[in-house]
Structures are given as C-alpha cells and as structure tokens.
Amino acid sequence: MDTDAVLTLLQDVADEVISPRFRDLASEEVVEKNPGDLVTVADREAEALITKALTASYPDALVLGEEAEAGDPTLEERYRAADHAFTVDPVDGTRNFVHGSPDHAVMVAEIRSGAVVRSWIWQPQHQLSYVAELGAGAWRNGERLERPPLGEALRGVTSRRSWVGRALGALAKLDLTWVCCGVDYPKLVEGAADYALYHKSSPWDHAPGSLLLSEAGCFLGTSDGVTYAPQAPRPAGLVAAADRTTYDLVQGLLSDLPGR
C-alpha cells in the first residue's frame, strides 16, 4: 500500500466504526482491561479492520496492535525481533473518546530493520492528518511541517499527573499533556509545547510520533539519555523535545522529579 492508501484506510475505518460511536457509546460498549485502562468496541473493531488490510498487503510483516497484544503477551516479543512490522493504535486517547473529547486519534507506524520508515496519525474529529516518511519530511493535511523556533521560555507537558505543577530546575511548571499521543506529538511539532515527559512507553503510542518529530527537526529519547528505538525494550520513560539541545537540557534535569 502506498502512503496515501494507508491514510485513506485509517480515515475509512474511523468513518465506519469510530466516529459513529463518538458521544454515543452504550455502557456495555466500554470495559476496563485493567483498572483505569479502558477499551471500547470501536477500539476492537477498528484494530481488526486495520490489521486485516495491512496483513493482506504485507503478509510477511508482523502487526502489533494494542488490543491484540493485550490478549497475546508473546506478540510484543515477536514484534521486537521482526525485520518488518507495523504498530496499530486503533483509538489513541480512548479515555478522551469515552468522555466525549475530540482529542483522540488513529495511529499506525511501519518499522523496517529497526527504524520507523512511515507513520500516520489521523484525528477524525479535528479532520487533521499527520504523515511522515523517513527522509521525506512530515506533513499535515498535505502541507510540509517544520518545528517553529523556540520562544524565550520553554513550555513542558507531562502525561504523569503527579508531575503536573512541578518544575525542572528553573524551567516553568509542567502542564498536563492532551492525554493522547496522537495529539501530543503534533502539538509539539506545531509549537504548542517544547517538551513532553512520558512514563509509559508502549510502541503503538510512540513509534508513529517519533518519526513525525524527527522529520520535523525534533527529537525523542529515553529518560536515560538514549535515542528512542521503536523495537527496543520499553524504557522507564521518554522525553520528546523540540530539538536535541532541549532534550539534553530536560533529560539532565529529570532527577528533580520524584519517582522517575
């Protein structure tokens, strides 16, 4: 499938099984996989449709879907060893989706030989697409994306609620992210934040945004100072930043935060 065809696939799936349920989910269509970790019928149906299409086009590729991994703990291990793989997050920001927030997304990343080579983020309620190809740039609704210059004060956000309101060194206090990587990463590229701190590092959450960042001149690394690798074991935390200099500054200050 060419790049446009994969984006069309995500848009069609969202139109078919996600958006019709937005703000119209029945109580039995939402369950907890784990305490506080929600999944809906839209997540499951969307992942099945996307996985079927990708597998038909790439029968030798491994497809790591968030919901499939929940039912098969060996899947992520096989993904790490695969030469060609896809990650699928059918409804990123499920809690937002369940509570009627438009800040949710459908995300896919393609990995070859350990590197993300293409990625797609579709925000159905905002009608925004973010597509990146290795060496070919990052794009929003078909227009080239580049990270705007930094302002005088760095704005940081975090997905870890216990860190909200805390500060790294002399930097401004941390705000909450948009609670959806499929919104967070585009916001970082567009300049709404300058760095983001993550505690969870599931590949389906971060592989798509990692390529969007790098192709727009930004940087993603671990809390331990290592460049993000989509098939490496999950790190303890991630730092997404407007550029490498900002990453180095923030990563060096992480000891200021409790429980990192």
Protein backbone atom coordinates (compact mmCIF):
# COMPACT_ATOMS: atom_id res chain seq x y z
CA MET A 1 0.00 0.00 0.00
CA ASP A 2 1.34 3.43 -0.82
CA THR A 3 1.40 6.12 1.84
CA ASP A 4 -1.83 7.79 0.73
CA ALA A 5 -3.63 4.43 0.68
CA VAL A 6 -2.76 3.73 4.31
CA LEU A 7 -4.02 7.16 5.34
CA THR A 8 -7.25 6.53 3.43
CA LEU A 9 -7.57 3.19 5.22
CA LEU A 10 -7.39 4.92 8.63
CA GLN A 11 -9.89 7.56 7.55
CA ASP A 12 -12.33 4.98 6.20
CA VAL A 13 -12.10 2.84 9.32
CA ALA A 14 -12.68 5.89 11.52
CA ASP A 15 -15.73 6.81 9.44
CA GLU A 16 -17.07 3.28 9.66
CA VAL A 17 -16.62 2.20 13.28
CA ILE A 18 -15.16 5.05 15.39
CA SER A 19 -16.85 8.35 14.61
CA PRO A 20 -20.43 6.95 14.56
CA ARG A 21 -19.88 5.98 18.22
CA PHE A 22 -18.38 9.30 19.30
CA ARG A 23 -20.51 10.61 22.18
CA ASP A 24 -22.90 7.70 21.52
CA LEU A 25 -21.29 4.73 23.30
CA ALA A 26 -23.57 2.40 25.23
CA SER A 27 -22.37 1.38 28.69
CA GLU A 28 -21.81 -2.22 27.58
CA GLU A 29 -19.53 -0.99 24.77
CA VAL A 30 -16.90 0.22 27.25
CA VAL A 31 -14.92 -2.11 29.52
CA GLU A 32 -11.79 -1.94 31.67
CA LYS A 33 -8.87 -4.09 30.54
CA ASN A 34 -7.12 -3.13 33.76
CA PRO A 35 -8.12 -0.62 36.45
CA GLY A 36 -8.44 2.73 34.69
CA ASP A 37 -7.43 1.27 31.29
CA LEU A 38 -10.48 1.47 29.04
CA VAL A 39 -11.25 -0.27 25.78
CA THR A 40 -14.33 0.14 23.60
CA VAL A 41 -15.99 -1.77 20.83
CA ALA A 42 -14.63 0.91 18.49
CA ASP A 43 -11.03 0.09 19.51
CA ARG A 44 -11.51 -3.59 18.83
CA GLU A 45 -13.38 -3.26 15.55
CA ALA A 46 -11.02 -0.60 14.19
CA GLU A 47 -7.93 -2.64 15.04
CA ALA A 48 -9.37 -5.74 13.38
CA LEU A 49 -10.12 -3.84 10.16
CA ILE A 50 -6.72 -2.10 10.01
CA THR A 51 -4.83 -5.30 10.83
CA LYS A 52 -6.73 -7.25 8.17
CA ALA A 53 -5.88 -4.69 5.48
CA LEU A 54 -2.21 -4.43 6.43
CA THR A 55 -1.82 -8.20 6.63
CA ALA A 56 -3.41 -8.61 3.21
CA SER A 57 -0.95 -6.15 1.68
CA TYR A 58 2.08 -7.26 3.70
CA PRO A 59 1.62 -10.95 4.58
CA ASP A 60 5.19 -11.28 5.85
CA ALA A 61 5.01 -8.29 8.20
CA LEU A 62 4.14 -8.58 11.87
CA VAL A 63 1.29 -6.33 13.01
CA LEU A 64 1.43 -5.26 16.66
CA GLY A 65 -1.98 -3.95 17.69
CA GLU A 66 -2.66 -2.60 21.16
CA GLU A 67 -5.69 -4.81 21.69
CA ALA A 68 -4.11 -7.90 20.13
CA GLU A 69 -1.10 -7.51 22.45
CA ALA A 70 -3.43 -7.43 25.46
CA GLY A 71 -4.62 -10.93 24.51
CA ASP A 72 -1.23 -12.32 23.43
CA PRO A 73 1.75 -11.42 25.64
CA THR A 74 4.16 -13.03 23.13
CA LEU A 75 3.19 -10.62 20.36
CA GLU A 76 5.37 -7.74 21.54
CA GLU A 77 8.39 -10.04 21.88
CA ARG A 78 7.90 -11.23 18.29
CA TYR A 79 7.49 -7.62 17.17
CA ARG A 80 10.88 -6.74 18.64
CA ALA A 81 12.55 -9.44 16.53
CA ALA A 82 10.66 -8.68 13.30
CA ASP A 83 12.50 -7.21 10.34
CA HIS A 84 9.25 -5.70 9.03
CA ALA A 85 6.43 -4.68 11.32
CA PHE A 86 3.55 -2.30 11.86
CA THR A 87 2.17 -0.86 15.10
CA VAL A 88 -1.53 -0.08 15.31
CA ASP A 89 -3.27 2.09 17.89
CA PRO A 90 -6.91 1.98 16.77
CA VAL A 91 -8.20 4.68 19.15
CA ASP A 92 -5.37 6.52 20.84
CA GLY A 93 -6.80 8.53 23.72
CA THR A 94 -9.57 6.04 24.46
CA ARG A 95 -10.43 7.75 27.75
CA ASN A 96 -10.84 11.05 25.88
CA PHE A 97 -13.02 9.28 23.31
CA VAL A 98 -15.20 7.71 26.00
CA HIS A 99 -15.66 11.06 27.76
CA GLY A 100 -16.60 12.91 24.57
CA SER A 101 -13.33 14.75 23.93
CA PRO A 102 -12.37 15.22 20.27
CA ASP A 103 -8.71 14.71 21.23
CA HIS A 104 -8.30 11.13 20.02
CA ALA A 105 -6.58 9.61 17.01
CA VAL A 106 -5.94 6.54 14.89
CA MET A 107 -2.23 5.75 14.51
CA VAL A 108 -0.03 3.38 12.52
CA ALA A 109 3.75 3.13 12.17
CA GLU A 110 5.78 1.00 9.77
CA ILE A 111 9.12 -0.33 11.01
CA ARG A 112 11.81 -1.86 8.80
CA SER A 113 15.16 -3.11 10.10
CA GLY A 114 14.63 -1.38 13.44
CA ALA A 115 13.69 2.07 12.11
CA VAL A 116 10.31 3.75 11.67
CA VAL A 117 10.08 4.44 7.94
CA ARG A 118 6.48 5.69 7.64
CA SER A 119 3.88 6.84 10.13
CA TRP A 120 0.29 8.03 10.10
CA ILE A 121 -1.84 9.91 12.63
CA TRP A 122 -5.47 10.67 11.84
CA GLN A 123 -7.55 12.85 14.17
CA PRO A 124 -11.10 12.17 12.96
CA GLN A 125 -12.90 14.87 14.96
CA HIS A 126 -10.35 17.54 14.05
CA GLN A 127 -10.06 16.27 10.45
CA LEU A 128 -6.28 16.50 10.67
CA SER A 129 -3.82 14.04 9.18
CA TYR A 130 -0.13 13.85 10.10
CA VAL A 131 2.05 11.72 7.85
CA ALA A 132 5.81 11.22 7.93
CA GLU A 133 8.23 9.30 5.72
CA LEU A 134 11.85 8.68 6.60
CA GLY A 135 13.98 11.21 4.75
CA ALA A 136 10.96 12.76 3.01
CA GLY A 137 9.52 15.03 5.70
CA ALA A 138 6.49 15.44 7.93
CA TRP A 139 3.15 16.64 6.61
CA ARG A 140 -0.15 17.97 7.99
CA ASN A 141 -3.07 17.63 5.60
CA GLY A 142 -0.57 17.55 2.76
CA GLU A 143 1.42 20.62 3.81
CA ARG A 144 5.05 20.38 4.94
CA LEU A 145 5.57 20.66 8.71
CA GLU A 146 8.60 22.18 10.39
CA ARG A 147 9.01 22.93 14.06
CA PRO A 148 8.74 26.71 14.72
CA PRO A 149 11.58 28.45 16.64
CA LEU A 150 11.64 28.19 20.42
CA GLY A 151 10.30 31.07 22.48
CA GLU A 152 12.04 32.69 25.43
CA ALA A 153 10.60 30.25 28.00
CA LEU A 154 10.29 26.51 27.47
CA ARG A 155 6.82 25.04 27.98
CA GLY A 156 6.79 21.46 29.25
CA VAL A 157 3.95 18.98 29.48
CA THR A 158 3.70 15.54 31.04
CA SER A 159 1.35 12.57 30.88
CA ARG A 160 2.14 11.74 34.51
CA ARG A 161 -0.47 13.56 36.57
CA SER A 162 1.61 13.51 39.76
CA TRP A 163 4.22 15.65 37.98
CA VAL A 164 1.80 18.34 36.85
CA GLY A 165 2.63 21.60 38.60
CA ARG A 166 6.20 20.54 39.34
CA ALA A 167 9.23 22.19 37.72
CA LEU A 168 12.55 21.02 36.33
CA GLY A 169 15.20 23.34 37.69
CA ALA A 170 14.38 26.92 36.75
CA LEU A 171 12.00 25.87 33.96
CA ALA A 172 8.28 26.67 34.09
CA LYS A 173 5.97 24.28 35.92
CA LEU A 174 4.76 21.29 33.95
CA ASP A 175 1.27 21.21 32.45
CA LEU A 176 -0.75 18.13 31.54
CA THR A 177 -0.45 16.79 28.00
CA TRP A 178 -3.51 16.44 25.78
CA VAL A 179 -3.67 12.87 27.18
CA CYS A 180 -3.34 11.37 23.71
CA CYS A 181 -0.01 10.80 21.97
CA GLY A 182 -1.76 11.23 18.62
CA VAL A 183 -2.47 14.83 19.66
CA ASP A 184 0.59 15.44 21.87
CA TYR A 185 3.21 14.78 19.20
CA PRO A 186 1.60 17.01 16.56
CA LYS A 187 1.17 19.76 19.18
CA LEU A 188 4.88 19.53 19.99
CA VAL A 189 5.82 19.80 16.32
CA GLU A 190 3.46 22.77 15.88
CA GLY A 191 4.96 24.61 18.86
CA ALA A 192 2.16 24.31 21.44
CA ALA A 193 4.72 22.73 23.80
CA ASP A 194 8.50 22.50 23.76
CA TYR A 195 8.99 19.19 25.54
CA ALA A 196 6.88 16.32 26.83
CA LEU A 197 7.62 13.76 29.53
CA TYR A 198 6.13 10.27 29.36
CA HIS A 199 6.12 7.48 31.91
CA LYS A 200 4.51 4.82 29.72
CA SER A 201 6.32 3.87 26.52
CA SER A 202 4.19 1.40 24.55
CA PRO A 203 5.42 1.19 20.93
CA TRP A 204 1.97 1.81 19.42
CA ASP A 205 1.80 5.10 21.36
CA HIS A 206 5.23 6.45 20.47
CA ALA A 207 6.55 4.89 17.25
CA PRO A 208 4.24 6.99 14.99
CA GLY A 209 5.09 10.26 16.73
CA SER A 210 8.80 9.51 16.81
CA LEU A 211 9.11 9.79 13.04
CA LEU A 212 6.86 12.85 12.88
CA LEU A 213 9.21 14.52 15.38
CA SER A 214 12.46 13.60 13.69
CA GLU A 215 11.26 14.56 10.23
CA ALA A 216 10.22 17.98 11.58
CA GLY A 217 13.58 18.58 13.26
CA CYS A 218 12.59 17.48 16.79
CA PHE A 219 14.00 14.70 18.97
CA LEU A 220 12.76 11.75 21.03
CA GLY A 221 14.91 9.96 23.58
CA THR A 222 14.63 7.93 26.74
CA SER A 223 14.83 9.31 30.25
CA ASP A 224 18.21 7.57 30.50
CA GLY A 225 19.75 9.59 27.66
CA VAL A 226 19.39 7.13 24.76
CA THR A 227 17.83 7.89 21.36
CA TYR A 228 14.39 6.28 21.04
CA ALA A 229 14.35 2.93 19.21
CA PRO A 230 10.91 1.52 18.36
CA GLN A 231 11.83 -2.14 18.87
CA ALA A 232 13.98 -1.77 21.99
CA PRO A 233 12.61 -2.98 25.34
CA ARG A 234 10.27 -0.41 26.82
CA PRO A 235 12.29 2.30 28.59
CA ALA A 236 11.33 3.67 32.01
CA GLY A 237 10.35 6.98 30.44
CA LEU A 238 10.58 9.15 27.34
CA VAL A 239 11.42 12.79 26.65
CA ALA A 240 10.08 14.33 23.44
CA ALA A 241 11.65 17.69 22.66
CA ALA A 242 11.66 20.50 20.11
CA ASP A 243 15.33 19.76 19.37
CA ARG A 244 18.32 17.84 20.66
CA THR A 245 19.56 20.75 22.76
CA THR A 246 16.22 20.97 24.59
CA TYR A 247 16.21 17.21 25.09
CA ASP A 248 19.70 17.26 26.62
CA LEU A 249 18.71 20.10 28.97
CA VAL A 250 15.49 18.43 30.12
CA GLN A 251 16.95 14.94 30.41
CA GLY A 252 19.71 16.31 32.61
CA LEU A 253 17.14 17.81 35.00
CA LEU A 254 14.90 14.76 35.42
CA SER A 255 16.39 13.92 38.80
CA ASP A 256 14.40 16.92 40.10
CA LEU A 257 11.20 14.90 39.71
CA PRO A 258 10.08 12.28 42.24
CA GLY A 259 9.59 8.65 41.31
CA ARG A 260 11.12 8.87 37.87
